[in-house]
C-alpha atoms as a PDB file:
ATOM      1  CA  MET A   1      -0.066  -0.517   0.240  1.00  0.00           C
ATOM      2  CA  GLY A   2       1.480   3.241  -0.990  1.00  0.00           C
ATOM      3  CA  GLU A   3       1.300   6.481   0.949  1.00  0.00           C
ATOM      4  CA  PHE A   4      -1.457   8.552  -1.437  1.00  0.00           C
ATOM      5  CA  ASP A   5      -3.424   5.304  -2.025  1.00  0.00           C
ATOM      6  CA  LEU A   6      -3.514   4.924   2.283  1.00  0.00           C
ATOM      7  CA  ILE A   7      -4.663   8.258   3.011  1.00  0.00           C
ATOM      8  CA  ARG A   8      -7.160   7.479   0.688  1.00  0.00           C
ATOM      9  CA  ARG A   9      -8.470   4.566   2.192  1.00  0.00           C
ATOM     10  CA  TYR A  10      -8.466   5.144   5.543  1.00  0.00           C
ATOM     11  CA  PHE A  11      -8.421   9.637   5.859  1.00  0.00           C
ATOM     12  CA  THR A  12     -10.134  11.045   2.792  1.00  0.00           C
ATOM     13  CA  ARG A  13     -13.745  11.463   3.641  1.00  0.00           C
ATOM     14  CA  PRO A  14     -16.390  14.371   2.339  1.00  0.00           C
ATOM     15  CA  THR A  15     -16.340  17.653   4.119  1.00  0.00           C
ATOM     16  CA  PRO A  16     -19.471  19.681   3.738  1.00  0.00           C
ATOM     17  CA  ARG A  17     -17.933  22.264   6.174  1.00  0.00           C
ATOM     18  CA  ALA A  18     -14.940  23.422   5.040  1.00  0.00           C
ATOM     19  CA  VAL A  19     -14.395  24.876   1.461  1.00  0.00           C
ATOM     20  CA  LEU A  20     -11.834  22.423   0.413  1.00  0.00           C
ATOM     21  CA  GLY A  21     -10.602  19.462   2.418  1.00  0.00           C
ATOM     22  CA  VAL A  22      -8.422  16.587   1.779  1.00  0.00           C
ATOM     23  CA  GLY A  23      -6.740  16.446  -1.738  1.00  0.00           C
ATOM     24  CA  ASP A  24      -5.424  19.942  -2.434  1.00  0.00           C
ATOM     25  CA  ASP A  25      -2.024  21.693  -0.630  1.00  0.00           C
ATOM     26  CA  CYS A  26      -4.235  23.129   1.447  1.00  0.00           C
ATOM     27  CA  ALA A  27      -7.116  23.085   3.275  1.00  0.00           C
ATOM     28  CA  LEU A  28      -9.581  26.244   2.800  1.00  0.00           C
ATOM     29  CA  LEU A  29     -11.419  26.684   5.888  1.00  0.00           C
ATOM     30  CA  GLN A  30     -14.460  29.371   6.345  1.00  0.00           C
ATOM     31  CA  PRO A  31     -15.493  30.333   9.716  1.00  0.00           C
ATOM     32  CA  ARG A  32     -18.668  32.090  10.573  1.00  0.00           C
ATOM     33  CA  PRO A  33     -19.184  35.734  10.365  1.00  0.00           C
ATOM     34  CA  GLY A  34     -17.794  37.207  12.784  1.00  0.00           C
ATOM     35  CA  MET A  35     -16.035  34.315  14.618  1.00  0.00           C
ATOM     36  CA  GLN A  36     -12.414  33.672  15.750  1.00  0.00           C
ATOM     37  CA  LEU A  37     -10.212  30.866  14.809  1.00  0.00           C
ATOM     38  CA  ALA A  38      -9.295  28.078  18.202  1.00  0.00           C
ATOM     39  CA  ILE A  39      -6.117  26.649  16.543  1.00  0.00           C
ATOM     40  CA  SER A  40      -4.109  24.084  18.931  1.00  0.00           C
ATOM     41  CA  SER A  41      -1.734  21.129  18.226  1.00  0.00           C
ATOM     42  CA  ASP A  42      -1.128  17.901  19.579  1.00  0.00           C
ATOM     43  CA  MET A  43       1.961  15.490  19.015  1.00  0.00           C
ATOM     44  CA  LEU A  44       1.687  11.791  20.619  1.00  0.00           C
ATOM     45  CA  VAL A  45       4.770   9.998  20.200  1.00  0.00           C
ATOM     46  CA  GLU A  46       5.099   6.095  20.977  1.00  0.00           C
ATOM     47  CA  GLY A  47       7.029   5.498  24.386  1.00  0.00           C
ATOM     48  CA  ARG A  48       6.550   8.948  25.762  1.00  0.00           C
ATOM     49  CA  HIS A  49       2.688   9.222  25.815  1.00  0.00           C
ATOM     50  CA  PHE A  50       1.398   6.386  24.666  1.00  0.00           C
ATOM     51  CA  LEU A  51       2.651   2.458  25.198  1.00  0.00           C
ATOM     52  CA  SER A  52       3.189   0.340  22.266  1.00  0.00           C
ATOM     53  CA  THR A  53       0.168  -2.210  23.893  1.00  0.00           C
ATOM     54  CA  VAL A  54      -2.244   0.368  23.728  1.00  0.00           C
ATOM     55  CA  PRO A  55      -5.238  -0.924  21.252  1.00  0.00           C
ATOM     56  CA  PRO A  56      -5.128   0.932  17.765  1.00  0.00           C
ATOM     57  CA  ALA A  57      -8.930   2.451  17.855  1.00  0.00           C
ATOM     58  CA  ALA A  58      -7.755   4.056  21.496  1.00  0.00           C
ATOM     59  CA  LEU A  59      -4.916   5.666  20.588  1.00  0.00           C
ATOM     60  CA  GLY A  60      -6.745   7.136  17.175  1.00  0.00           C
ATOM     61  CA  HIS A  61      -9.799   8.247  20.432  1.00  0.00           C
ATOM     62  CA  LYS A  62      -6.441   9.328  22.342  1.00  0.00           C
ATOM     63  CA  ALA A  63      -4.992  12.077  19.501  1.00  0.00           C
ATOM     64  CA  LEU A  64      -8.316  13.341  18.340  1.00  0.00           C
ATOM     65  CA  ALA A  65      -9.361  14.095  22.286  1.00  0.00           C
ATOM     66  CA  VAL A  66      -6.511  15.871  22.940  1.00  0.00           C
ATOM     67  CA  ASN A  67      -6.630  18.500  20.814  1.00  0.00           C
ATOM     68  CA  LEU A  68     -10.442  18.606  20.944  1.00  0.00           C
ATOM     69  CA  SER A  69      -9.396  19.171  25.336  1.00  0.00           C
ATOM     70  CA  ASP A  70      -7.725  22.124  24.224  1.00  0.00           C
ATOM     71  CA  LEU A  71     -10.404  23.623  22.246  1.00  0.00           C
ATOM     72  CA  ALA A  72     -13.008  22.660  25.494  1.00  0.00           C
ATOM     73  CA  ALA A  73     -10.370  25.378  27.560  1.00  0.00           C
ATOM     74  CA  CYS A  74     -10.453  28.162  25.417  1.00  0.00           C
ATOM     75  CA  GLY A  75     -14.510  27.319  24.373  1.00  0.00           C
ATOM     76  CA  ALA A  76     -14.567  27.187  21.023  1.00  0.00           C
ATOM     77  CA  GLN A  77     -16.533  24.745  18.362  1.00  0.00           C
ATOM     78  CA  PRO A  78     -14.935  22.036  17.135  1.00  0.00           C
ATOM     79  CA  LEU A  79     -14.496  22.760  13.148  1.00  0.00           C
ATOM     80  CA  ALA A  80     -11.521  20.505  11.629  1.00  0.00           C
ATOM     81  CA  PHE A  81      -7.965  19.309  11.832  1.00  0.00           C
ATOM     82  CA  THR A  82      -5.401  17.990  10.262  1.00  0.00           C
ATOM     83  CA  LEU A  83      -3.150  14.282  10.791  1.00  0.00           C
ATOM     84  CA  ALA A  84       1.283  14.120  10.669  1.00  0.00           C
ATOM     85  CA  LEU A  85       1.646  10.997  10.888  1.00  0.00           C
ATOM     86  CA  ALA A  86       4.953   8.904  10.842  1.00  0.00           C
ATOM     87  CA  LEU A  87       4.130   5.455  10.251  1.00  0.00           C
ATOM     88  CA  PRO A  88       6.691   1.892  10.420  1.00  0.00           C
ATOM     89  CA  ARG A  89       4.909   0.507   8.340  1.00  0.00           C
ATOM     90  CA  ALA A  90       1.567   0.594   5.703  1.00  0.00           C
ATOM     91  CA  ASP A  91      -0.391  -1.687   8.328  1.00  0.00           C
ATOM     92  CA  ALA A  92      -3.754  -2.261   7.401  1.00  0.00           C
ATOM     93  CA  ALA A  93      -4.972  -4.203  10.218  1.00  0.00           C
ATOM     94  CA  TRP A  94      -3.438  -0.769  12.645  1.00  0.00           C
ATOM     95  CA  LEU A  95      -4.669   1.677  10.518  1.00  0.00           C
ATOM     96  CA  GLU A  96      -8.412   0.250   9.660  1.00  0.00           C
ATOM     97  CA  PRO A  97      -9.015   0.522  13.600  1.00  0.00           C
ATOM     98  CA  PHE A  98      -6.929   3.306  14.422  1.00  0.00           C
ATOM     99  CA  SER A  99      -8.875   5.334  11.748  1.00  0.00           C
ATOM    100  CA  GLN A 100     -12.186   4.255  13.162  1.00  0.00           C
ATOM    101  CA  GLY A 101     -11.920   5.527  16.417  1.00  0.00           C
ATOM    102  CA  LEU A 102     -10.669   8.493  15.240  1.00  0.00           C
ATOM    103  CA  LEU A 103     -12.793   9.765  12.570  1.00  0.00           C
ATOM    104  CA  ALA A 104     -15.823   7.732  15.505  1.00  0.00           C
ATOM    105  CA  LEU A 105     -14.962  10.996  18.034  1.00  0.00           C
ATOM    106  CA  ALA A 106     -14.398  13.705  15.061  1.00  0.00           C
ATOM    107  CA  ASP A 107     -18.418  13.268  14.121  1.00  0.00           C
ATOM    108  CA  ALA A 108     -18.955  13.165  17.374  1.00  0.00           C
ATOM    109  CA  HIS A 109     -17.910  16.345  17.597  1.00  0.00           C
ATOM    110  CA  GLY A 110     -18.563  17.330  13.910  1.00  0.00           C
ATOM    111  CA  CYS A 111     -14.904  18.034  13.041  1.00  0.00           C
ATOM    112  CA  GLU A 112     -13.134  17.349   9.852  1.00  0.00           C
ATOM    113  CA  LEU A 113     -10.253  15.624   9.212  1.00  0.00           C
ATOM    114  CA  VAL A 114      -9.276  18.565   6.122  1.00  0.00           C
ATOM    115  CA  GLY A 115      -5.871  17.353   5.459  1.00  0.00           C
ATOM    116  CA  GLY A 116      -2.362  16.232   6.971  1.00  0.00           C
ATOM    117  CA  ASP A 117       0.885  14.608   5.799  1.00  0.00           C
ATOM    118  CA  THR A 118       2.090  10.935   6.392  1.00  0.00           C
ATOM    119  CA  THR A 119       5.625   9.472   6.243  1.00  0.00           C
ATOM    120  CA  GLN A 120       7.848   6.309   7.204  1.00  0.00           C
ATOM    121  CA  GLY A 121       9.471   6.750  10.798  1.00  0.00           C
ATOM    122  CA  PRO A 122       8.421   5.651  14.477  1.00  0.00           C
ATOM    123  CA  LEU A 123       4.956   5.637  15.047  1.00  0.00           C
ATOM    124  CA  ASN A 124       4.651   9.524  15.891  1.00  0.00           C
ATOM    125  CA  ILE A 125       0.382  11.228  15.759  1.00  0.00           C
ATOM    126  CA  CYS A 126       0.438  14.893  15.619  1.00  0.00           C
ATOM    127  CA  ILE A 127      -2.915  16.503  14.994  1.00  0.00           C
ATOM    128  CA  THR A 128      -3.956  20.506  14.800  1.00  0.00           C
ATOM    129  CA  VAL A 129      -6.972  21.315  15.809  1.00  0.00           C
ATOM    130  CA  PHE A 130      -9.127  23.961  14.214  1.00  0.00           C
ATOM    131  CA  GLY A 131     -12.618  25.851  16.345  1.00  0.00           C
ATOM    132  CA  GLU A 132     -14.300  29.229  15.897  1.00  0.00           C
ATOM    133  CA  VAL A 133     -15.651  31.118  19.314  1.00  0.00           C
ATOM    134  CA  PRO A 134     -17.019  34.857  18.710  1.00  0.00           C
ATOM    135  CA  PRO A 135     -15.098  37.763  19.974  1.00  0.00           C
ATOM    136  CA  GLY A 136     -14.212  38.475  23.636  1.00  0.00           C
ATOM    137  CA  GLN A 137     -15.742  35.480  24.471  1.00  0.00           C
ATOM    138  CA  ALA A 138     -13.016  32.624  24.961  1.00  0.00           C
ATOM    139  CA  LEU A 139     -11.621  31.218  27.801  1.00  0.00           C
ATOM    140  CA  LEU A 140      -8.160  32.612  28.608  1.00  0.00           C
ATOM    141  CA  ARG A 141      -6.020  31.686  31.678  1.00  0.00           C
ATOM    142  CA  SER A 142      -5.579  35.235  31.911  1.00  0.00           C
ATOM    143  CA  GLY A 143      -8.208  36.045  33.737  1.00  0.00           C
ATOM    144  CA  ALA A 144      -8.518  34.514  37.620  1.00  0.00           C
ATOM    145  CA  GLN A 145      -9.787  37.115  39.933  1.00  0.00           C
ATOM    146  CA  VAL A 146      -8.751  37.065  44.042  1.00  0.00           C
ATOM    147  CA  GLY A 147     -11.482  35.621  45.709  1.00  0.00           C
ATOM    148  CA  ASP A 148     -12.720  33.780  42.263  1.00  0.00           C
ATOM    149  CA  ASP A 149     -13.927  29.847  43.127  1.00  0.00           C
ATOM    150  CA  LEU A 150     -11.937  27.278  42.036  1.00  0.00           C
ATOM    151  CA  TYR A 151     -13.666  24.070  40.058  1.00  0.00           C
ATOM    152  CA  VAL A 152     -12.555  20.959  38.670  1.00  0.00           C
ATOM    153  CA  SER A 153     -14.609  18.750  36.293  1.00  0.00           C
ATOM    154  CA  GLY A 154     -14.838  15.103  36.029  1.00  0.00           C
ATOM    155  CA  THR A 155     -12.542  12.989  37.802  1.00  0.00           C
ATOM    156  CA  LEU A 156      -8.912  12.934  38.178  1.00  0.00           C
ATOM    157  CA  GLY A 157      -5.882  10.833  38.813  1.00  0.00           C
ATOM    158  CA  ASP A 158      -7.449   7.852  37.712  1.00  0.00           C
ATOM    159  CA  ALA A 159      -5.262   7.860  34.039  1.00  0.00           C
ATOM    160  CA  ARG A 160      -1.939   8.146  36.266  1.00  0.00           C
ATOM    161  CA  LEU A 161      -3.404   4.933  37.787  1.00  0.00           C
ATOM    162  CA  ALA A 162      -3.880   3.083  34.840  1.00  0.00           C
ATOM    163  CA  LEU A 163      -0.103   3.915  33.995  1.00  0.00           C
ATOM    164  CA  GLU A 164       1.279   2.332  37.777  1.00  0.00           C
ATOM    165  CA  VAL A 165      -0.862  -0.716  37.026  1.00  0.00           C
ATOM    166  CA  PHE A 166       0.512  -0.881  33.352  1.00  0.00           C
ATOM    167  CA  ARG A 167       4.790  -0.213  34.562  1.00  0.00           C
ATOM    168  CA  GLY A 168       3.708  -2.987  38.149  1.00  0.00           C
ATOM    169  CA  THR A 169       4.112  -0.048  40.943  1.00  0.00           C
ATOM    170  CA  LEU A 170       0.761  -0.874  41.716  1.00  0.00           C
ATOM    171  CA  SER A 171      -2.222  -3.194  41.595  1.00  0.00           C
ATOM    172  CA  LEU A 172      -5.754  -2.312  41.905  1.00  0.00           C
ATOM    173  CA  PRO A 173      -9.151  -4.271  41.823  1.00  0.00           C
ATOM    174  CA  GLU A 174     -10.190  -5.557  38.002  1.00  0.00           C
ATOM    175  CA  ALA A 175     -13.297  -3.107  37.808  1.00  0.00           C
ATOM    176  CA  ALA A 176     -11.337  -0.174  39.394  1.00  0.00           C
ATOM    177  CA  PHE A 177      -8.440  -0.587  36.479  1.00  0.00           C
ATOM    178  CA  ALA A 178     -10.929  -1.457  34.034  1.00  0.00           C
ATOM    179  CA  GLN A 179     -12.462   1.714  35.050  1.00  0.00           C
ATOM    180  CA  ALA A 180      -9.249   3.467  35.208  1.00  0.00           C
ATOM    181  CA  ARG A 181      -7.871   2.332  32.563  1.00  0.00           C
ATOM    182  CA  THR A 182     -10.645   4.336  30.179  1.00  0.00           C
ATOM    183  CA  ARG A 183      -9.323   6.853  31.686  1.00  0.00           C
ATOM    184  CA  LEU A 184      -5.994   7.219  30.320  1.00  0.00           C
ATOM    185  CA  GLU A 185      -6.347   5.197  26.688  1.00  0.00           C
ATOM    186  CA  ARG A 186      -9.898   7.002  25.645  1.00  0.00           C
ATOM    187  CA  PRO A 187     -10.514  10.590  27.551  1.00  0.00           C
ATOM    188  CA  THR A 188     -13.475  11.905  27.319  1.00  0.00           C
ATOM    189  CA  PRO A 189     -12.933  15.873  25.696  1.00  0.00           C
ATOM    190  CA  ARG A 190     -15.002  17.904  27.840  1.00  0.00           C
ATOM    191  CA  VAL A 191     -15.957  20.599  24.461  1.00  0.00           C
ATOM    192  CA  ALA A 192     -19.674  21.223  25.619  1.00  0.00           C
ATOM    193  CA  LEU A 193     -18.607  22.215  29.336  1.00  0.00           C
ATOM    194  CA  GLY A 194     -16.254  24.534  27.401  1.00  0.00           C
ATOM    195  CA  LEU A 195     -18.981  25.767  25.209  1.00  0.00           C
ATOM    196  CA  ALA A 196     -21.413  26.139  27.976  1.00  0.00           C
ATOM    197  CA  LEU A 197     -18.604  28.368  30.750  1.00  0.00           C
ATOM    198  CA  ARG A 198     -18.537  30.793  28.114  1.00  0.00           C
ATOM    199  CA  GLY A 199     -19.560  34.107  29.714  1.00  0.00           C
ATOM    200  CA  VAL A 200     -19.540  32.590  33.537  1.00  0.00           C
ATOM    201  CA  ALA A 201     -16.131  30.955  33.955  1.00  0.00           C
ATOM    202  CA  THR A 202     -13.264  33.254  34.662  1.00  0.00           C
ATOM    203  CA  ALA A 203     -10.524  31.745  33.442  1.00  0.00           C
ATOM    204  CA  ALA A 204      -9.832  27.736  32.367  1.00  0.00           C
ATOM    205  CA  ALA A 205      -6.755  25.434  30.994  1.00  0.00           C
ATOM    206  CA  ASP A 206      -6.826  21.544  30.457  1.00  0.00           C
ATOM    207  CA  ILE A 207      -5.288  19.483  33.046  1.00  0.00           C
ATOM    208  CA  SER A 208      -3.132  16.947  30.762  1.00  0.00           C
ATOM    209  CA  ASP A 209       0.325  17.245  32.927  1.00  0.00           C
ATOM    210  CA  GLY A 210      -1.499  17.459  36.221  1.00  0.00           C
ATOM    211  CA  LEU A 211      -3.237  19.426  38.328  1.00  0.00           C
ATOM    212  CA  LEU A 212      -1.050  21.021  39.747  1.00  0.00           C
ATOM    213  CA  GLY A 213       0.957  21.978  37.089  1.00  0.00           C
ATOM    214  CA  ASP A 214      -1.873  23.306  34.618  1.00  0.00           C
ATOM    215  CA  LEU A 215      -3.548  25.252  37.761  1.00  0.00           C
ATOM    216  CA  GLY A 216      -0.115  26.978  37.572  1.00  0.00           C
ATOM    217  CA  HIS A 217      -0.298  28.151  34.339  1.00  0.00           C
ATOM    218  CA  ILE A 218      -3.547  29.477  34.873  1.00  0.00           C
ATOM    219  CA  LEU A 219      -2.317  32.049  38.602  1.00  0.00           C
ATOM    220  CA  ARG A 220       1.052  32.798  36.545  1.00  0.00           C
ATOM    221  CA  ALA A 221      -1.556  34.366  33.699  1.00  0.00           C
ATOM    222  CA  SER A 222      -3.395  35.688  36.514  1.00  0.00           C
ATOM    223  CA  GLY A 223      -0.882  36.597  38.566  1.00  0.00           C
ATOM    224  CA  VAL A 224      -3.128  35.239  41.701  1.00  0.00           C
ATOM    225  CA  GLY A 225      -2.679  32.560  43.923  1.00  0.00           C
ATOM    226  CA  ALA A 226      -4.636  30.098  44.895  1.00  0.00           C
ATOM    227  CA  VAL A 227      -5.761  27.272  48.115  1.00  0.00           C
ATOM    228  CA  VAL A 228      -6.602  24.074  46.758  1.00  0.00           C
ATOM    229  CA  ASP A 229      -8.515  21.319  49.321  1.00  0.00           C
ATOM    230  CA  THR A 230      -6.799  18.281  49.235  1.00  0.00           C
ATOM    231  CA  SER A 231      -9.645  16.366  51.366  1.00  0.00           C
ATOM    232  CA  ILE A 232     -12.651  17.103  48.011  1.00  0.00           C
ATOM    233  CA  ALA A 233      -9.633  16.848  45.504  1.00  0.00           C
ATOM    234  CA  ILE A 234      -8.943  12.747  46.411  1.00  0.00           C
ATOM    235  CA  GLN A 235     -12.339  12.133  46.781  1.00  0.00           C
ATOM    236  CA  LEU A 236     -12.970  12.503  42.265  1.00  0.00           C
ATOM    237  CA  VAL A 237     -10.734  10.121  41.619  1.00  0.00           C
ATOM    238  CA  ALA A 238     -12.917   7.336  40.725  1.00  0.00           C
ATOM    239  CA  ALA A 239     -11.074   4.406  41.151  1.00  0.00           C
ATOM    240  CA  HIS A 240     -10.376   5.521  44.865  1.00  0.00           C
ATOM    241  CA  ALA A 241     -14.716   5.799  45.530  1.00  0.00           C
ATOM    242  CA  TYR A 242     -14.817   2.705  43.919  1.00  0.00           C
ATOM    243  CA  MET A 243     -12.542   1.004  46.123  1.00  0.00           C
ATOM    244  CA  LYS A 244     -14.029   2.849  49.317  1.00  0.00           C
ATOM    245  CA  SER A 245     -17.136   1.103  48.347  1.00  0.00           C
ATOM    246  CA  THR A 246     -15.658  -2.278  48.225  1.00  0.00           C
ATOM    247  CA  GLY A 247     -13.501  -2.071  51.445  1.00  0.00           C
ATOM    248  CA  ALA A 248     -10.445  -2.630  49.151  1.00  0.00           C
ATOM    249  CA  ILE A 249      -7.205  -0.817  50.914  1.00  0.00           C
ATOM    250  CA  PHE A 250      -6.059   1.894  49.231  1.00  0.00           C
ATOM    251  CA  ASP A 251      -2.552   3.799  49.293  1.00  0.00           C
ATOM    252  CA  ALA A 252      -4.368   8.050  50.196  1.00  0.00           C
ATOM    253  CA  GLU A 253      -0.799   9.608  49.551  1.00  0.00           C
ATOM    254  CA  HIS A 254      -0.324   7.994  46.927  1.00  0.00           C
ATOM    255  CA  LEU A 255      -4.403   9.149  45.496  1.00  0.00           C
ATOM    256  CA  LEU A 256      -3.476  11.617  46.164  1.00  0.00           C
ATOM    257  CA  ASP A 257       0.038  12.389  44.100  1.00  0.00           C
ATOM    258  CA  CYS A 258      -1.686  10.763  41.511  1.00  0.00           C
ATOM    259  CA  VAL A 259      -5.028  13.317  41.701  1.00  0.00           C
ATOM    260  CA  LEU A 260      -2.774  16.247  42.185  1.00  0.00           C
ATOM    261  CA  ALA A 261       0.158  15.453  40.183  1.00  0.00           C
ATOM    262  CA  GLY A 262      -0.861  12.212  37.609  1.00  0.00           C
ATOM    263  CA  GLY A 263      -1.376  13.623  34.411  1.00  0.00           C
ATOM    264  CA  ASP A 264      -3.444  12.439  31.499  1.00  0.00           C
ATOM    265  CA  ASP A 265      -6.706  13.403  33.294  1.00  0.00           C
ATOM    266  CA  TYR A 266      -7.652  16.010  30.129  1.00  0.00           C
ATOM    267  CA  GLU A 267     -10.159  17.639  32.244  1.00  0.00           C
ATOM    268  CA  LEU A 268     -10.846  21.530  32.697  1.00  0.00           C
ATOM    269  CA  VAL A 269      -9.465  23.738  35.851  1.00  0.00           C
ATOM    270  CA  PHE A 270     -11.423  26.923  35.517  1.00  0.00           C
ATOM    271  CA  THR A 271     -12.272  29.516  38.095  1.00  0.00           C
ATOM    272  CA  ALA A 272     -15.360  31.832  38.589  1.00  0.00           C
ATOM    273  CA  PRO A 273     -16.924  34.359  40.629  1.00  0.00           C
ATOM    274  CA  PRO A 274     -18.958  33.107  43.968  1.00  0.00           C
ATOM    275  CA  ALA A 275     -21.333  35.348  42.176  1.00  0.00           C
ATOM    276  CA  ALA A 276     -21.507  32.446  40.090  1.00  0.00           C
ATOM    277  CA  ARG A 277     -22.310  29.535  41.332  1.00  0.00           C
ATOM    278  CA  GLN A 278     -25.874  28.673  39.971  1.00  0.00           C
ATOM    279  CA  ALA A 279     -24.690  30.160  36.583  1.00  0.00           C
ATOM    280  CA  VAL A 280     -21.312  27.167  36.777  1.00  0.00           C
ATOM    281  CA  ALA A 281     -24.205  24.786  38.238  1.00  0.00           C
ATOM    282  CA  ALA A 282     -26.427  25.178  35.197  1.00  0.00           C
ATOM    283  CA  ALA A 283     -23.848  24.877  32.741  1.00  0.00           C
ATOM    284  CA  ALA A 284     -22.204  21.921  34.323  1.00  0.00           C
ATOM    285  CA  ALA A 285     -25.929  20.484  33.876  1.00  0.00           C
ATOM    286  CA  ARG A 286     -26.498  21.192  30.681  1.00  0.00           C
ATOM    287  CA  ALA A 287     -23.122  19.923  29.597  1.00  0.00           C
ATOM    288  CA  ASP A 288     -24.078  16.431  31.421  1.00  0.00           C
ATOM    289  CA  THR A 289     -20.317  17.518  33.243  1.00  0.00           C
ATOM    290  CA  PRO A 290     -20.317  16.826  36.531  1.00  0.00           C
ATOM    291  CA  VAL A 291     -17.886  19.672  38.934  1.00  0.00           C
ATOM    292  CA  ALA A 292     -16.713  20.036  41.935  1.00  0.00           C
ATOM    293  CA  ARG A 293     -15.801  23.282  43.929  1.00  0.00           C
ATOM    294  CA  ILE A 294     -12.039  22.543  45.784  1.00  0.00           C
ATOM    295  CA  GLY A 295     -10.648  26.180  46.248  1.00  0.00           C
ATOM    296  CA  GLN A 296     -10.570  29.613  45.990  1.00  0.00           C
ATOM    297  CA  ILE A 297      -7.590  31.898  44.132  1.00  0.00           C
ATOM    298  CA  GLU A 298      -6.453  34.184  46.555  1.00  0.00           C
ATOM    299  CA  SER A 299      -3.537  37.152  46.388  1.00  0.00           C
ATOM    300  CA  ARG A 300      -0.264  35.497  45.093  1.00  0.00           C
ATOM    301  CA  GLN A 301       2.010  34.343  47.459  1.00  0.00           C
ATOM    302  CA  ALA A 302       5.572  35.079  45.442  1.00  0.00           C
ATOM    303  CA  ASP A 303       7.058  31.131  48.123  1.00  0.00           C
ATOM    304  CA  ALA A 304       3.973  29.782  47.580  1.00  0.00           C
ATOM    305  CA  PRO A 305       1.417  30.374  44.582  1.00  0.00           C
ATOM    306  CA  ILE A 306      -0.791  27.000  45.630  1.00  0.00           C
ATOM    307  CA  ARG A 307      -1.333  26.978  48.956  1.00  0.00           C
ATOM    308  CA  LEU A 308      -2.183  23.054  49.867  1.00  0.00           C
ATOM    309  CA  ILE A 309      -5.106  22.084  53.249  1.00  0.00           C
ATOM    310  CA  ASP A 310      -6.448  19.155  54.470  1.00  0.00           C
ATOM    311  CA  GLY A 311      -9.779  18.815  55.018  1.00  0.00           C
ATOM    312  CA  GLN A 312      -9.690  21.445  58.850  1.00  0.00           C
ATOM    313  CA  GLY A 313      -7.668  23.891  56.920  1.00  0.00           C
ATOM    314  CA  ALA A 314      -4.287  22.482  58.136  1.00  0.00           C
ATOM    315  CA  PRO A 315      -1.406  23.734  54.980  1.00  0.00           C
ATOM    316  CA  VAL A 316      -0.705  20.093  53.715  1.00  0.00           C
ATOM    317  CA  LEU A 317       3.440  19.893  53.882  1.00  0.00           C
ATOM    318  CA  ARG A 318       4.396  17.863  50.707  1.00  0.00           C
ATOM    319  CA  THR A 319       5.526  19.071  47.708  1.00  0.00           C
ATOM    320  CA  PHE A 320       3.825  17.482  44.270  1.00  0.00           C
ATOM    321  CA  ALA A 321       5.315  18.101  40.447  1.00  0.00           C
ATOM    322  CA  GLY A 322       3.686  18.609  37.637  1.00  0.00           C
ATOM    323  CA  PHE A 323       4.680  16.745  33.796  1.00  0.00           C
ATOM    324  CA  ASP A 324       7.718  17.942  32.314  1.00  0.00           C
ATOM    325  CA  HIS A 325       9.089  16.474  28.696  1.00  0.00           C
ATOM    326  CA  PHE A 326      12.333  18.260  29.426  1.00  0.00           C
ATOM    327  CA  ALA A 327      12.431  17.932  33.157  1.00  0.00           C
END
């Protein structure tokens, strides 16, 4: 199978929303009148971002999901994406499920594949996604204000738990592992929540490198600090809730590390004023996505931009490091 046969067979589809899709040197996009384009790129490298044992359908899903998560954090509606794919070989048994997983998620969000590139080499997937957002309504990292509530969506830490099981450093009950593995391999981009939070949230980011690391981006951009209640945060680990219900033994300190610095969650961390609590609840209901208030924005302290407290308000004197590709 040649390169262009591969593209035609697995990645060429009608693009009714794009002016011009796959087949020319460039795709042509036309956002709706008065809208701005939101653009983001993410790369997934085998051995760095995913294990070689990941099912190709799940990998196709995740490759697009991590990009849609960026659009969600910006409050942008997905439009289209490009795919740059390096493959060791043109393997139909791998390409078929990979393209199915990729395009099923694309269809679910009305996001059209409009171009890209393929080459031979170590497995590497790079997607650039395009969305649209009304001027002045994009969710940014720079809008958090002192006194704002701090929220996260969904569950945190489960992806890291699954990774530790794969590494052989942790054992989970079968049902808890299945739940955690789904969160690692098939994350849910919170696009609907991002759209619902336009005009409600003051700042937002997606959680890809760990809650504290990505919250730190908001705090730096906004020039503020935050206090986080770790007793609430640890309840957001879905596998933790399962283990408690079955009486299984779990290491609370390890779970806290997973939820605060685990990464690969692809949930949203966002801020909103206390007066908007009902609006946040309504946005979460419209998006059918749970959110939890885990802290508050406060004045920035140079020595400790993020203060961690336990359920009684006492300081948590531990350090947590989010993921950094070059650390």
